[in-house]
């Protein structure tokens, strides 16, 4: 199915950041080590626009990889001015920027408003001050709360990025971070489970034994709970996990931790499994001797319900002592067992 919306990414690795957090290596993640000039930005825009299908309803440009409002105002204006011709002719409908919570002020937002920025995303990472301190963030949880509120009050769409599994984090703290996120009612969220990248302070902590990253299984279990909190509260979940990276040109930048190119699908599939499990518990109470069942699933999310390599189906068969489990699909969203 063709995408209805596309985002043109412009990477400004580490630009505007006052220091490097323990987990961060934007040069490795983005695959870029230079600041783009106008020619590079224009080339990126034209490349993406040339491939836009007639079905696309909205084209957005997003500045990633740095703290946009931490950049000198003159350079911010220069970057944003390069996009204005595309805004004026309607080729690009909106602009998105990412930044730090402590770099949000009325003045910085006024500048963004002047250049038609629609969405401001904050790298909150956690709402726990111990986690923020251990991760070298340099701001408090209260800074994040105030920044989100100011962004919303100023008429922008708001985004929050969180990183479960940072130093000093626990599942309970991550759930609390998700609860506070829900209470702030952002328009968008991203869930980036913490991964150990090469040439970071986190790599040194990991090598010394001072830090243990989450396993894939721990990540899927925890983040499926967080995903459910956002999904059930109508918050748009843009992404879960780092973008798939191309390792063909050399070694992986990932040292350890829950990196998997399909981690987002795995998290959603675990969330779906919980719904299936609850349904089967009710069914089993009334069908204690049944060894087979026919499961009616929403066709729209069939892959998520079935799971990677049909793992959810195997799990249900084993847990509920079934020899046969047939899956059927429907156009509506209701689960049922026949």
Protein backbone atom coordinates (compact mmCIF):
# COMPACT_ATOMS: atom_id res chain seq x y z
CA UNK A 1 0.00 0.00 0.00
CA UNK A 2 1.50 3.40 -1.02
CA UNK A 3 2.36 5.74 1.82
CA UNK A 4 -0.05 8.63 2.34
CA UNK A 5 2.63 10.72 4.00
CA UNK A 6 6.38 10.85 3.60
CA UNK A 7 9.14 12.54 5.57
CA UNK A 8 12.24 13.99 3.93
CA UNK A 9 15.10 13.58 6.44
CA UNK A 10 17.85 16.17 6.73
CA UNK A 11 20.59 15.07 9.14
CA UNK A 12 22.51 17.65 11.16
CA UNK A 13 24.52 15.25 13.37
CA UNK A 14 25.17 16.60 16.86
CA UNK A 15 24.63 20.20 15.75
CA UNK A 16 23.42 22.39 18.62
CA UNK A 17 24.14 19.76 21.28
CA UNK A 18 26.09 21.20 24.24
CA UNK A 19 27.74 17.86 25.03
CA UNK A 20 27.53 14.18 24.14
CA UNK A 21 25.17 11.99 26.18
CA UNK A 22 26.45 8.57 27.22
CA UNK A 23 24.38 6.73 24.62
CA UNK A 24 24.84 9.08 21.69
CA UNK A 25 26.85 8.71 18.51
CA UNK A 26 24.82 10.53 15.85
CA UNK A 27 27.58 10.14 13.29
CA UNK A 28 27.26 6.34 13.49
CA UNK A 29 23.47 6.29 13.57
CA UNK A 30 22.90 8.75 10.73
CA UNK A 31 25.83 7.60 8.62
CA UNK A 32 26.79 11.25 8.20
CA UNK A 33 29.65 13.24 9.68
CA UNK A 34 29.19 16.62 8.03
CA UNK A 35 26.83 19.55 8.32
CA UNK A 36 24.77 19.93 5.15
CA UNK A 37 25.02 23.06 3.05
CA UNK A 38 22.25 24.44 0.89
CA UNK A 39 23.30 22.35 -2.08
CA UNK A 40 23.14 19.13 -0.04
CA UNK A 41 19.75 20.01 1.48
CA UNK A 42 18.32 20.89 -1.93
CA UNK A 43 19.66 17.68 -3.45
CA UNK A 44 18.00 15.62 -0.70
CA UNK A 45 14.70 17.42 -1.16
CA UNK A 46 14.71 17.03 -4.94
CA UNK A 47 15.62 13.34 -4.67
CA UNK A 48 12.63 12.62 -2.44
CA UNK A 49 10.20 14.85 -4.32
CA UNK A 50 11.07 13.16 -7.60
CA UNK A 51 9.82 9.87 -6.16
CA UNK A 52 6.59 11.15 -4.59
CA UNK A 53 3.57 9.27 -5.91
CA UNK A 54 0.27 11.01 -6.70
CA UNK A 55 -1.31 9.23 -3.71
CA UNK A 56 0.88 11.02 -1.18
CA UNK A 57 -1.22 13.49 0.80
CA UNK A 58 1.51 15.22 2.80
CA UNK A 59 5.24 15.73 2.46
CA UNK A 60 7.10 16.79 5.59
CA UNK A 61 10.75 17.77 6.02
CA UNK A 62 12.42 16.85 9.30
CA UNK A 63 15.74 17.92 10.79
CA UNK A 64 17.22 14.94 12.67
CA UNK A 65 20.35 14.18 14.65
CA UNK A 66 20.96 17.37 16.57
CA UNK A 67 19.33 19.88 18.93
CA UNK A 68 17.84 22.29 16.44
CA UNK A 69 16.97 25.11 18.85
CA UNK A 70 20.47 24.85 20.32
CA UNK A 71 21.96 26.01 17.02
CA UNK A 72 22.88 29.66 16.67
CA UNK A 73 19.70 31.52 15.60
CA UNK A 74 21.36 32.75 12.42
CA UNK A 75 22.12 29.19 11.32
CA UNK A 76 18.64 28.04 12.28
CA UNK A 77 17.18 30.73 10.07
CA UNK A 78 19.52 29.79 7.25
CA UNK A 79 18.46 26.11 7.38
CA UNK A 80 14.77 27.00 7.58
CA UNK A 81 14.96 29.62 4.83
CA UNK A 82 16.24 26.98 2.39
CA UNK A 83 12.94 25.10 2.83
CA UNK A 84 10.62 28.10 2.38
CA UNK A 85 10.40 28.00 -1.45
CA UNK A 86 9.10 24.43 -1.19
CA UNK A 87 6.62 25.47 1.51
CA UNK A 88 5.40 28.37 -0.63
CA UNK A 89 4.84 26.24 -3.73
CA UNK A 90 3.16 23.49 -1.71
CA UNK A 91 5.69 20.74 -2.49
CA UNK A 92 6.46 20.46 1.22
CA UNK A 93 3.57 20.92 3.63
CA UNK A 94 5.34 21.09 7.00
CA UNK A 95 8.64 21.11 8.89
CA UNK A 96 9.58 19.05 11.94
CA UNK A 97 12.56 19.69 14.24
CA UNK A 98 14.05 17.74 17.14
CA UNK A 99 15.71 19.36 20.13
CA UNK A 100 16.44 19.23 23.86
CA UNK A 101 13.90 20.11 26.57
CA UNK A 102 16.19 22.71 28.12
CA UNK A 103 16.59 24.51 24.80
CA UNK A 104 12.93 25.47 24.51
CA UNK A 105 12.03 29.10 25.16
CA UNK A 106 9.33 31.47 23.96
CA UNK A 107 11.93 33.16 21.76
CA UNK A 108 13.15 29.91 20.18
CA UNK A 109 9.58 28.86 19.43
CA UNK A 110 8.78 32.26 17.95
CA UNK A 111 11.62 31.82 15.47
CA UNK A 112 10.32 28.37 14.46
CA UNK A 113 6.80 29.75 14.04
CA UNK A 114 8.13 32.42 11.70
CA UNK A 115 9.36 29.71 9.33
CA UNK A 116 6.27 27.48 9.36
CA UNK A 117 7.62 24.71 11.61
CA UNK A 118 4.68 22.51 12.57
CA UNK A 119 6.10 19.90 14.96
CA UNK A 120 8.70 20.14 17.73
CA UNK A 121 10.03 16.84 19.06
CA UNK A 122 11.84 16.62 22.38
CA UNK A 123 14.53 14.11 23.26
CA UNK A 124 13.12 13.58 26.74
CA UNK A 125 14.58 10.04 27.08
CA UNK A 126 13.27 9.61 30.65
CA UNK A 127 11.20 11.42 33.25
CA UNK A 128 13.41 10.03 36.04
CA UNK A 129 16.11 12.41 37.30
CA UNK A 130 18.49 9.61 38.35
CA UNK A 131 18.37 8.17 34.85
CA UNK A 132 18.88 11.59 33.28
CA UNK A 133 21.91 12.28 35.48
CA UNK A 134 23.48 8.87 34.85
CA UNK A 135 22.97 9.35 31.11
CA UNK A 136 24.67 12.77 31.05
CA UNK A 137 21.60 14.57 29.79
CA UNK A 138 22.22 17.85 31.61
CA UNK A 139 18.53 18.64 32.17
CA UNK A 140 15.84 17.59 34.62
CA UNK A 141 12.49 15.88 34.22
CA UNK A 142 10.82 19.15 35.18
CA UNK A 143 12.58 20.85 32.25
CA UNK A 144 10.92 18.30 29.99
CA UNK A 145 7.45 18.81 31.47
CA UNK A 146 7.71 22.58 31.13
CA UNK A 147 9.02 22.33 27.58
CA UNK A 148 6.19 20.08 26.38
CA UNK A 149 3.60 22.39 27.90
CA UNK A 150 5.19 25.48 26.32
CA UNK A 151 5.33 23.80 22.89
CA UNK A 152 1.64 22.90 23.09
CA UNK A 153 0.64 26.33 24.40
CA UNK A 154 2.53 27.94 21.50
CA UNK A 155 0.40 26.07 18.96
CA UNK A 156 2.90 23.47 17.75
CA UNK A 157 2.37 19.75 17.38
CA UNK A 158 4.45 18.05 20.06
CA UNK A 159 6.58 14.93 20.03
CA UNK A 160 8.34 13.02 22.81
CA UNK A 161 11.19 10.56 22.37
CA UNK A 162 11.94 8.10 25.20
CA UNK A 163 14.82 5.63 25.65
CA UNK A 164 13.93 2.73 27.98
CA UNK A 165 16.91 0.85 29.40
CA UNK A 166 19.37 3.69 30.02
CA UNK A 167 21.81 3.57 32.99
CA UNK A 168 19.95 3.50 36.33
CA UNK A 169 16.69 2.76 34.54
CA UNK A 170 14.32 -0.01 35.63
CA UNK A 171 11.12 -1.36 34.10
CA UNK A 172 9.18 0.49 36.80
CA UNK A 173 10.90 3.79 35.97
CA UNK A 174 10.28 3.28 32.25
CA UNK A 175 6.59 2.62 32.90
CA UNK A 176 6.45 5.76 35.01
CA UNK A 177 8.07 7.71 32.16
CA UNK A 178 5.34 6.37 29.86
CA UNK A 179 2.64 7.38 32.36
CA UNK A 180 3.94 10.94 32.52
CA UNK A 181 4.21 11.01 28.73
CA UNK A 182 0.55 10.00 28.43
CA UNK A 183 -0.44 12.69 30.93
CA UNK A 184 1.26 15.35 28.77
CA UNK A 185 -0.76 14.25 25.71
CA UNK A 186 1.86 14.67 22.99
CA UNK A 187 0.80 14.25 19.38
CA UNK A 188 3.65 11.85 18.57
CA UNK A 189 6.00 9.54 20.44
CA UNK A 190 9.06 7.52 19.54
CA UNK A 191 10.33 4.59 21.60
CA UNK A 192 14.05 3.96 21.20
CA UNK A 193 15.21 1.12 23.48
CA UNK A 194 18.76 1.94 24.59
CA UNK A 195 21.47 0.31 22.47
CA UNK A 196 25.23 0.36 23.08
CA UNK A 197 26.94 2.04 20.12
CA UNK A 198 30.64 2.16 19.33
CA UNK A 199 32.65 5.14 20.51
CA UNK A 200 30.22 6.19 23.25
CA UNK A 201 30.55 6.51 27.00
CA UNK A 202 27.94 3.77 27.24
CA UNK A 203 30.33 1.41 25.45
CA UNK A 204 32.93 2.09 28.15
CA UNK A 205 30.37 1.44 30.90
CA UNK A 206 29.33 -1.78 29.18
CA UNK A 207 32.94 -2.94 28.70
CA UNK A 208 33.73 -2.32 32.37
CA UNK A 209 30.67 -4.27 33.50
CA UNK A 210 29.02 -1.16 34.97
CA UNK A 211 26.07 -1.29 32.58
CA UNK A 212 23.93 -4.16 31.31
CA UNK A 213 21.69 -3.44 28.34
CA UNK A 214 18.28 -5.04 28.07
CA UNK A 215 17.95 -8.25 26.11
CA UNK A 216 15.67 -8.47 23.09
CA UNK A 217 13.11 -10.40 25.16
CA UNK A 218 13.20 -7.89 28.04
CA UNK A 219 12.82 -5.05 25.56
CA UNK A 220 9.89 -6.60 23.73
CA UNK A 221 8.09 -7.36 26.99
CA UNK A 222 8.61 -3.90 28.52
CA UNK A 223 8.07 -1.87 25.37
CA UNK A 224 4.91 -3.78 24.47
CA UNK A 225 3.43 -2.49 27.74
CA UNK A 226 4.55 1.06 26.93
CA UNK A 227 3.28 0.74 23.37
CA UNK A 228 -0.10 -0.33 24.71
CA UNK A 229 -0.29 2.72 26.98
CA UNK A 230 0.33 5.07 24.06
CA UNK A 231 -1.82 3.17 21.56
CA UNK A 232 -4.80 2.93 23.90
CA UNK A 233 -4.59 6.65 24.65
CA UNK A 234 -4.63 7.63 20.98
CA UNK A 235 -1.04 8.86 20.83
CA UNK A 236 0.62 8.45 17.44
CA UNK A 237 3.62 6.11 17.70
CA UNK A 238 5.98 7.16 14.93
CA UNK A 239 8.74 4.63 15.49
CA UNK A 240 10.08 1.95 17.83
CA UNK A 241 13.77 1.08 17.69
CA UNK A 242 16.61 2.45 15.61
CA UNK A 243 16.16 2.55 11.86
CA UNK A 244 17.59 -0.54 10.14
CA UNK A 245 21.25 0.14 9.43
CA UNK A 246 23.30 -1.02 6.45
CA UNK A 247 26.36 -2.94 7.68
CA UNK A 248 27.51 -4.00 4.22
CA UNK A 249 30.17 -1.31 4.09
CA UNK A 250 31.88 -2.33 7.33
CA UNK A 251 31.38 -3.44 10.90
CA UNK A 252 28.21 -2.83 12.84
CA UNK A 253 28.12 0.29 15.03
CA UNK A 254 26.07 -1.71 17.55
CA UNK A 255 28.18 -3.21 20.34
CA UNK A 256 25.38 -4.69 22.43
CA UNK A 257 21.75 -4.27 23.36
CA UNK A 258 18.33 -4.80 21.81
CA UNK A 259 19.00 -3.82 18.22
CA UNK A 260 16.89 -5.71 15.70
CA UNK A 261 15.63 -4.39 12.34
CA UNK A 262 12.13 -5.71 13.17
CA UNK A 263 12.00 -4.72 16.85
CA UNK A 264 8.96 -2.47 16.26
CA UNK A 265 6.98 -5.32 14.73
CA UNK A 266 8.04 -7.63 17.57
CA UNK A 267 6.80 -5.13 20.16
CA UNK A 268 3.43 -4.69 18.46
CA UNK A 269 3.11 -8.45 18.07
CA UNK A 270 3.70 -8.97 21.81
CA UNK A 271 1.01 -6.40 22.54
CA UNK A 272 -1.38 -8.31 20.29
CA UNK A 273 -0.44 -11.55 22.02
CA UNK A 274 -1.70 -10.20 25.32
CA UNK A 275 -5.11 -9.55 23.80
CA UNK A 276 -5.18 -13.07 22.39
CA UNK A 277 -4.11 -14.56 25.70
CA UNK A 278 -6.90 -12.78 27.58
CA UNK A 279 -9.41 -14.02 25.01
CA UNK A 280 -8.20 -17.62 25.30
CA UNK A 281 -8.33 -17.54 29.10
CA UNK A 282 -12.04 -16.70 28.92
CA UNK A 283 -12.60 -19.31 26.21
CA UNK A 284 -10.73 -22.03 28.09
CA UNK A 285 -12.87 -21.50 31.19
CA UNK A 286 -15.90 -22.59 29.15
CA UNK A 287 -14.15 -25.15 26.92
CA UNK A 288 -11.91 -27.01 29.34
CA UNK A 289 -11.67 -30.18 27.21
CA UNK A 290 -11.30 -28.65 23.74
CA UNK A 291 -8.11 -29.48 21.86
CA UNK A 292 -8.81 -27.31 18.82
CA UNK A 293 -10.06 -23.81 18.13
CA UNK A 294 -10.74 -21.47 15.24
CA UNK A 295 -9.50 -17.92 15.79
CA UNK A 296 -11.10 -14.99 13.95
CA UNK A 297 -8.58 -12.16 13.50
CA UNK A 298 -8.80 -8.63 12.05
CA UNK A 299 -7.27 -8.88 8.58
CA UNK A 300 -5.71 -5.43 8.88
CA UNK A 301 -3.31 -6.51 11.65
CA UNK A 302 -3.10 -10.21 10.88
CA UNK A 303 0.71 -10.34 10.81
CA UNK A 304 0.99 -8.67 14.21
CA UNK A 305 -1.47 -11.13 15.74
CA UNK A 306 0.22 -14.16 14.22
CA UNK A 307 3.71 -12.98 15.18
CA UNK A 308 7.13 -13.40 13.62
CA UNK A 309 7.47 -16.96 12.33
CA UNK A 310 4.00 -17.61 13.77
CA UNK A 311 5.39 -17.41 17.30
CA UNK A 312 2.11 -16.17 18.83
CA UNK A 313 0.23 -19.13 17.38
CA UNK A 314 2.80 -21.60 18.73
CA UNK A 315 2.70 -19.84 22.11
CA UNK A 316 -1.10 -20.06 22.35
CA UNK A 317 -1.18 -23.71 21.32
CA UNK A 318 1.36 -24.63 23.97
CA UNK A 319 -0.11 -22.51 26.76
CA UNK A 320 -3.70 -23.62 26.22
CA UNK A 321 -2.93 -27.26 25.32
CA UNK A 322 -4.24 -27.09 21.76
CA UNK A 323 -3.34 -29.55 19.04
CA UNK A 324 -4.93 -27.46 16.31
CA UNK A 325 -5.45 -23.69 16.00
CA UNK A 326 -6.93 -22.41 12.75
CA UNK A 327 -6.76 -18.68 11.91
CA UNK A 328 -9.44 -16.94 9.88
CA UNK A 329 -9.63 -13.28 8.96
CA UNK A 330 -12.32 -10.63 8.98
CA UNK A 331 -12.67 -6.99 7.91
CA UNK A 332 -13.82 -5.84 11.34
CA UNK A 333 -11.59 -5.31 14.39
CA UNK A 334 -13.20 -7.76 16.80
CA UNK A 335 -11.36 -10.87 18.01
CA UNK A 336 -13.31 -14.05 18.56
CA UNK A 337 -12.90 -17.80 18.92
CA UNK A 338 -15.26 -20.12 17.10
